[in-house]
Every structure is written in C-alpha cells, then in structure tokens.
C-alpha cells in the first residue's frame, strides 16, 4: 500500500510560537539651530488659516466690484497680506509728543 502524498491541506499545522513585541526606538537627534526658531524677543506671528485667507480674498473681490475671474490673484494677495508682519505704529512717539 502506497502512502498518500502530503499536501498543505492535509498536513497538520505546525504550532505557532508567540512573537515578542519589539518597541521601536528612534534615535535622538542632536539639537541644531535649524530646528529651533531664532530668539528675537518678538512674539511669533499668529498662524494664518485658510478661513482667514478666504475672508480677505472675498474682501478683495468686493473691493474690485465683484468682478469674477480673479480668484487666484485675490487668494494669493490675501496670503501675502496676512503673512506679512504688521507694520509698526508710532503710537508711543505720538503719545510722548502730545503729552
């Protein structure tokens, strides 16, 4: 009598050993000036959101009389305006001059 060939379906499953979980360790990077913002004493500008850009772009659209076709230009102009640092005012000098 011949022995039947063994197939993956007929072979008994080998016992499965549990696998030990390995914790991934990321090496610490050396501190560098590239990763740290420069200390200038001035507060960081607030982050410009898409909602703020959209509101300013819409204001530019209305200032132009609502003429369509300049959506991209309005959006880019709004980004430039909102990303630019606010101009310094001479409030202290005026107050000192009037006192």
Protein backbone atom coordinates (compact mmCIF):
# COMPACT_ATOMS: atom_id res chain seq x y z
CA UNK A 1 0.00 0.00 0.00
CA UNK A 2 1.32 3.42 -1.00
CA UNK A 3 1.44 6.35 1.33
CA UNK A 4 -0.65 9.32 0.15
CA UNK A 5 1.26 12.46 -0.74
CA UNK A 6 1.09 15.14 1.85
CA UNK A 7 -0.45 18.47 0.74
CA UNK A 8 -0.81 21.75 2.63
CA UNK A 9 -4.47 20.91 3.20
CA UNK A 10 -3.71 17.50 4.71
CA UNK A 11 -0.58 18.39 6.71
CA UNK A 12 -1.10 19.14 10.35
CA UNK A 13 -0.48 22.78 11.23
CA UNK A 14 2.80 23.46 12.98
CA UNK A 15 2.45 25.04 16.39
CA UNK A 16 2.76 28.82 16.24
CA UNK A 17 5.13 30.43 18.69
CA UNK A 18 4.05 33.78 20.08
CA UNK A 19 6.09 36.68 18.77
CA UNK A 20 7.59 39.06 21.28
CA UNK A 21 6.61 42.68 20.66
CA UNK A 22 9.55 44.91 19.87
CA UNK A 23 9.40 48.54 20.82
CA UNK A 24 10.66 50.85 18.07
CA UNK A 25 13.33 53.20 19.31
CA UNK A 26 14.03 56.36 17.39
CA UNK A 27 17.49 57.82 17.93
CA UNK A 28 17.54 61.26 19.45
CA UNK A 29 18.72 63.93 17.07
CA UNK A 30 21.35 66.36 18.17
CA UNK A 31 19.97 69.85 18.78
CA UNK A 32 20.55 72.17 15.89
CA UNK A 33 19.86 75.77 15.07
CA UNK A 34 17.79 74.66 12.07
CA UNK A 35 15.12 73.07 14.27
CA UNK A 36 14.88 75.95 16.74
CA UNK A 37 13.30 79.32 15.98
CA UNK A 38 15.52 82.33 16.38
CA UNK A 39 15.06 84.23 19.61
CA UNK A 40 14.32 87.79 18.59
CA UNK A 41 12.24 88.98 21.51
CA UNK A 42 9.25 89.49 19.22
CA UNK A 43 6.22 87.25 19.52
CA UNK A 44 5.71 84.72 16.74
CA UNK A 45 3.10 85.80 14.19
CA UNK A 46 -0.24 84.06 14.53
CA UNK A 47 -0.77 81.19 12.14
CA UNK A 48 -2.70 82.17 9.02
CA UNK A 49 -5.69 79.91 8.43
CA UNK A 50 -7.41 79.12 5.15
CA UNK A 51 -10.56 80.68 6.60
CA UNK A 52 -8.77 83.99 7.20
CA UNK A 53 -7.29 83.92 3.70
CA UNK A 54 -10.71 83.20 2.19
CA UNK A 55 -12.28 86.08 4.12
CA UNK A 56 -9.59 88.52 2.93
CA UNK A 57 -9.80 87.21 -0.65
CA UNK A 58 -13.55 87.80 -0.59
CA UNK A 59 -12.99 91.34 0.69
CA UNK A 60 -10.58 91.96 -2.21
CA UNK A 61 -13.23 90.58 -4.60
CA UNK A 62 -15.80 93.02 -3.21
CA UNK A 63 -13.32 95.93 -3.33
CA UNK A 64 -12.85 95.23 -7.03
CA UNK A 65 -16.61 95.49 -7.56
CA UNK A 66 -17.37 91.76 -7.57
CA UNK A 67 -15.80 91.19 -11.00
CA UNK A 68 -15.26 87.41 -11.41
CA UNK A 69 -12.15 85.79 -12.87
CA UNK A 70 -9.53 86.96 -10.36
CA UNK A 71 -9.98 84.28 -7.71
CA UNK A 72 -6.38 83.08 -7.74
CA UNK A 73 -4.97 86.61 -7.69
CA UNK A 74 -7.25 87.52 -4.77
CA UNK A 75 -6.23 84.40 -2.85
CA UNK A 76 -2.51 84.99 -3.39
CA UNK A 77 -2.81 88.67 -2.47
CA UNK A 78 -4.69 87.72 0.70
CA UNK A 79 -1.94 85.24 1.60
CA UNK A 80 0.75 87.88 1.10
CA UNK A 81 -1.11 90.43 3.18
CA UNK A 82 -1.82 88.07 6.05
CA UNK A 83 1.66 86.53 6.09
CA UNK A 84 3.44 89.90 6.09
CA UNK A 85 4.35 91.25 9.51
CA UNK A 86 2.10 94.01 10.75
CA UNK A 87 3.61 97.46 10.22
CA UNK A 88 4.87 99.08 13.38
CA UNK A 89 2.89 102.05 14.56
CA UNK A 90 4.38 105.14 16.10
CA UNK A 91 1.84 105.12 18.97
CA UNK A 92 4.43 105.68 21.69
CA UNK A 93 6.06 108.59 19.90
CA UNK A 94 2.68 110.26 19.32
CA UNK A 95 1.70 109.83 22.92
CA UNK A 96 5.01 111.29 24.08
CA UNK A 97 4.72 114.21 21.65
CA UNK A 98 1.22 115.15 22.77
CA UNK A 99 1.99 114.84 26.49
